[in-house]
Amino acid sequence: AKISLDVGCIRVARMYSKELFYLLKNYVDIFFINEEELHALTGLAPEEGCLALTQYCPLVTVLNGEYGCWVGSKEGVF
């Protein structure tokens, strides 16, 4: 089975960043996060943050509101 995780709350990204990185590295296959949560977690812009998180999780989707999303994997960010 594939395991996905959606942060769902900016406060979770701020308060539990260590735990989120542990989960991403060890259990999560697909990660969903919006641009505000991503910035709280990594301090990075959407495209750069998406690429950075692929070091922890095989597939990362950064939701970017009306601009769509960034999808990242080891092959790159699209």
Protein backbone atom coordinates (compact mmCIF):
# COMPACT_ATOMS: atom_id res chain seq x y z
CA ALA A 1 0.00 0.00 0.00
CA LYS A 2 1.09 3.55 -0.64
CA ILE A 3 0.86 6.01 2.24
CA SER A 4 -0.05 9.65 1.66
CA LEU A 5 0.00 12.56 4.08
CA ASP A 6 -1.59 16.00 3.83
CA VAL A 7 -0.35 18.51 6.41
CA GLY A 8 -3.74 20.24 6.41
CA CYS A 9 -2.78 23.00 8.87
CA ILE A 10 -0.04 25.61 8.96
CA ARG A 11 0.21 25.19 12.74
CA VAL A 12 1.07 21.50 12.32
CA ALA A 13 3.87 22.43 9.89
CA ARG A 14 5.28 24.92 12.42
CA MET A 15 4.90 22.89 15.61
CA TYR A 16 5.74 19.40 14.38
CA SER A 17 8.39 19.90 11.69
CA LYS A 18 10.78 17.36 13.23
CA GLU A 19 8.04 14.74 13.36
CA LEU A 20 6.91 15.51 9.81
CA PHE A 21 10.42 15.05 8.43
CA TYR A 22 10.69 11.73 10.30
CA LEU A 23 7.39 10.53 8.84
CA LEU A 24 8.34 11.67 5.34
CA LYS A 25 11.66 9.90 5.43
CA ASN A 26 10.39 6.65 6.91
CA TYR A 27 6.74 6.09 6.02
CA VAL A 28 5.19 8.51 3.51
CA ASP A 29 5.11 7.82 -0.24
CA ILE A 30 3.03 10.82 -1.36
CA PHE A 31 3.07 14.18 0.44
CA PHE A 32 0.56 17.00 -0.04
CA ILE A 33 1.26 20.46 1.33
CA ASN A 34 0.13 23.96 0.39
CA GLU A 35 2.48 26.88 -0.21
CA GLU A 36 1.92 28.48 3.22
CA GLU A 37 2.48 25.19 5.07
CA LEU A 38 5.56 24.56 2.94
CA HIS A 39 7.03 27.94 3.82
CA ALA A 40 6.36 27.30 7.52
CA LEU A 41 8.03 23.88 7.25
CA THR A 42 11.02 24.72 5.06
CA GLY A 43 11.23 28.51 4.65
CA LEU A 44 11.37 27.98 0.88
CA ALA A 45 9.30 29.09 -2.10
CA PRO A 46 7.00 26.46 -3.70
CA GLU A 47 9.27 25.18 -6.47
CA GLU A 48 12.42 25.07 -4.34
CA GLY A 49 10.57 23.58 -1.36
CA CYS A 50 9.02 20.90 -3.53
CA LEU A 51 12.44 19.89 -4.80
CA ALA A 52 13.92 19.90 -1.29
CA LEU A 53 11.20 17.63 0.07
CA THR A 54 11.84 15.01 -2.63
CA GLN A 55 14.97 14.18 -0.63
CA TYR A 56 12.64 12.84 2.06
CA CYS A 57 9.62 11.53 0.13
CA PRO A 58 9.29 9.95 -3.35
CA LEU A 59 6.40 12.15 -4.53
CA VAL A 60 5.63 15.67 -3.30
CA THR A 61 2.74 17.91 -4.37
CA VAL A 62 2.80 21.58 -3.38
CA LEU A 63 -0.61 23.16 -3.89
CA ASN A 64 -0.24 26.71 -5.13
CA GLY A 65 -3.79 28.10 -5.16
CA GLU A 66 -4.98 29.56 -8.44
CA TYR A 67 -1.54 28.88 -9.96
CA GLY A 68 -1.98 25.10 -9.79
CA CYS A 69 0.67 23.01 -8.11
CA TRP A 70 4.25 21.78 -8.23
CA VAL A 71 4.81 18.03 -8.34
CA GLY A 72 8.24 16.75 -7.45
CA SER A 73 10.04 13.42 -7.57
CA LYS A 74 13.64 12.27 -7.92
CA GLU A 75 13.30 13.03 -11.67
CA GLY A 76 12.63 16.72 -11.05
CA VAL A 77 9.88 19.24 -10.39
CA PHE A 78 7.00 19.88 -12.80
